[in-house]
N, C-alpha and C. Protein backbone atom coordinates (compact mmCIF):
# COMPACT_ATOMS: atom_id res chain seq x y z
N UNK A 1 64.24 105.32 132.13
CA UNK A 1 65.00 104.13 132.35
C UNK A 1 65.82 103.85 131.09
N UNK A 2 67.09 103.59 131.27
CA UNK A 2 67.97 103.36 130.13
C UNK A 2 68.50 101.93 130.17
N UNK A 3 68.07 101.10 129.22
CA UNK A 3 68.50 99.71 129.19
C UNK A 3 69.22 99.37 127.89
N UNK A 4 69.33 100.31 126.98
CA UNK A 4 69.98 100.05 125.69
C UNK A 4 71.29 100.79 125.59
N UNK A 5 72.10 100.72 126.61
CA UNK A 5 73.38 101.40 126.61
C UNK A 5 73.35 102.63 127.51
N UNK A 6 74.50 103.23 127.67
CA UNK A 6 74.65 104.35 128.59
C UNK A 6 74.30 105.70 127.98
N UNK A 7 74.43 105.83 126.68
CA UNK A 7 74.32 107.14 126.02
C UNK A 7 73.00 107.85 126.33
N UNK A 8 71.87 107.17 126.17
CA UNK A 8 70.57 107.80 126.41
C UNK A 8 70.39 108.21 127.86
N UNK A 9 70.84 107.37 128.79
CA UNK A 9 70.72 107.70 130.21
C UNK A 9 71.57 108.89 130.61
N UNK A 10 72.77 108.94 130.10
CA UNK A 10 73.66 110.07 130.39
C UNK A 10 73.09 111.36 129.82
N UNK A 11 72.58 111.30 128.60
CA UNK A 11 71.98 112.49 127.98
C UNK A 11 70.78 112.97 128.79
N UNK A 12 69.93 112.06 129.24
CA UNK A 12 68.76 112.43 130.03
C UNK A 12 69.17 113.04 131.37
N UNK A 13 70.19 112.47 132.01
CA UNK A 13 70.67 113.00 133.29
C UNK A 13 71.23 114.42 133.12
N UNK A 14 71.91 114.67 132.02
CA UNK A 14 72.44 116.01 131.75
C UNK A 14 71.33 117.03 131.57
N UNK A 15 70.13 116.55 131.20
CA UNK A 15 68.96 117.43 131.06
C UNK A 15 68.15 117.48 132.35
N UNK A 16 68.75 116.99 133.44
CA UNK A 16 68.16 117.02 134.79
C UNK A 16 66.94 116.13 134.95
N UNK A 17 66.86 115.07 134.14
CA UNK A 17 65.80 114.07 134.31
C UNK A 17 66.28 113.02 135.31
N UNK A 18 65.35 112.42 136.05
CA UNK A 18 65.69 111.27 136.88
C UNK A 18 65.96 110.09 135.95
N UNK A 19 67.03 109.36 136.20
CA UNK A 19 67.42 108.27 135.32
C UNK A 19 67.73 107.02 136.15
N UNK A 20 67.28 105.89 135.68
CA UNK A 20 67.65 104.60 136.27
C UNK A 20 68.40 103.84 135.20
N UNK A 21 69.63 103.49 135.47
CA UNK A 21 70.44 102.71 134.54
C UNK A 21 70.28 101.24 134.94
N UNK A 22 69.87 100.39 134.00
CA UNK A 22 69.57 99.00 134.35
C UNK A 22 70.33 98.02 133.47
N UNK A 23 71.17 97.19 134.08
CA UNK A 23 71.80 96.13 133.30
C UNK A 23 70.77 95.07 132.95
N UNK A 24 70.83 94.56 131.78
CA UNK A 24 69.83 93.60 131.30
C UNK A 24 69.70 92.37 132.19
N UNK A 25 70.79 91.86 132.70
CA UNK A 25 70.73 90.58 133.39
C UNK A 25 70.09 90.63 134.76
N UNK A 26 69.92 91.78 135.36
CA UNK A 26 69.44 91.81 136.74
C UNK A 26 68.16 92.62 136.96
N UNK A 27 67.71 93.39 136.02
CA UNK A 27 66.63 94.33 136.31
C UNK A 27 65.42 94.24 135.40
N UNK A 28 65.27 93.21 134.66
CA UNK A 28 64.07 93.08 133.84
C UNK A 28 62.97 92.40 134.64
N UNK A 29 61.88 93.10 134.89
CA UNK A 29 60.81 92.54 135.70
C UNK A 29 59.71 91.93 134.84
N UNK A 30 59.93 91.81 133.54
CA UNK A 30 58.97 91.11 132.69
C UNK A 30 59.48 89.71 132.36
N UNK A 31 60.45 89.22 133.15
CA UNK A 31 60.89 87.84 133.10
C UNK A 31 60.22 87.09 134.24
N UNK A 32 60.15 85.79 134.13
CA UNK A 32 59.59 84.99 135.21
C UNK A 32 60.53 85.00 136.42
N UNK A 33 59.94 84.99 137.62
CA UNK A 33 60.73 84.98 138.85
C UNK A 33 60.57 83.67 139.61
N UNK A 34 59.82 82.76 139.05
CA UNK A 34 59.68 81.41 139.61
C UNK A 34 59.86 80.42 138.46
N UNK A 35 60.31 79.24 138.79
CA UNK A 35 60.55 78.25 137.74
C UNK A 35 59.25 77.64 137.21
N UNK A 36 58.21 77.56 138.03
CA UNK A 36 56.91 77.02 137.61
C UNK A 36 56.12 78.15 136.96
N UNK A 37 56.10 78.22 135.64
CA UNK A 37 55.49 79.33 134.91
C UNK A 37 54.00 79.14 134.65
N UNK A 38 53.46 77.98 134.96
CA UNK A 38 52.08 77.64 134.61
C UNK A 38 51.09 78.63 135.21
N UNK A 39 51.25 79.01 136.46
CA UNK A 39 50.29 79.88 137.14
C UNK A 39 50.73 81.34 137.19
N UNK A 40 51.70 81.70 136.39
CA UNK A 40 52.21 83.07 136.38
C UNK A 40 51.64 83.86 135.21
N UNK A 41 51.57 85.19 135.34
CA UNK A 41 51.14 86.02 134.21
C UNK A 41 52.13 85.88 133.04
N UNK A 42 51.68 86.21 131.86
CA UNK A 42 52.51 86.11 130.67
C UNK A 42 53.75 86.99 130.82
N UNK A 43 54.90 86.45 130.49
CA UNK A 43 56.16 87.18 130.56
C UNK A 43 57.10 86.61 129.50
N UNK A 44 58.26 87.25 129.32
CA UNK A 44 59.27 86.69 128.43
C UNK A 44 59.69 85.33 128.98
N UNK A 45 60.02 84.42 128.12
CA UNK A 45 60.33 83.05 128.53
C UNK A 45 61.75 82.93 129.06
N UNK A 46 62.08 83.72 130.04
CA UNK A 46 63.37 83.63 130.72
C UNK A 46 63.11 83.63 132.21
N UNK A 47 64.03 83.05 132.96
CA UNK A 47 63.89 82.93 134.41
C UNK A 47 64.90 83.84 135.08
N UNK A 48 64.44 84.74 135.93
CA UNK A 48 65.30 85.65 136.68
C UNK A 48 64.89 85.58 138.14
N UNK A 49 65.61 84.80 138.96
CA UNK A 49 65.22 84.68 140.36
C UNK A 49 65.31 86.01 141.09
N UNK A 50 64.39 86.25 141.99
CA UNK A 50 64.40 87.51 142.75
C UNK A 50 65.69 87.67 143.54
N UNK A 51 66.29 86.57 143.97
CA UNK A 51 67.56 86.66 144.69
C UNK A 51 68.63 87.34 143.84
N UNK A 52 68.61 87.10 142.54
CA UNK A 52 69.59 87.73 141.65
C UNK A 52 69.26 89.22 141.46
N UNK A 53 67.98 89.56 141.40
CA UNK A 53 67.58 90.96 141.27
C UNK A 53 68.08 91.76 142.47
N UNK A 54 67.92 91.19 143.66
CA UNK A 54 68.30 91.89 144.89
C UNK A 54 69.78 91.80 145.21
N UNK A 55 70.55 91.04 144.42
CA UNK A 55 71.98 90.90 144.71
C UNK A 55 72.77 92.12 144.28
């Protein structure tokens, strides 16, 4: 998975590795997906609604 720019992902793909290119704003699954964080597992203190992930 390449999330720090395109260079590493492109290099891995050229070596015939499976690569997932992920933009930061839509594909981080260690962010909260609900606004009520009290009953959720520990995650980065950012909110990313699932609707945005699937958009």
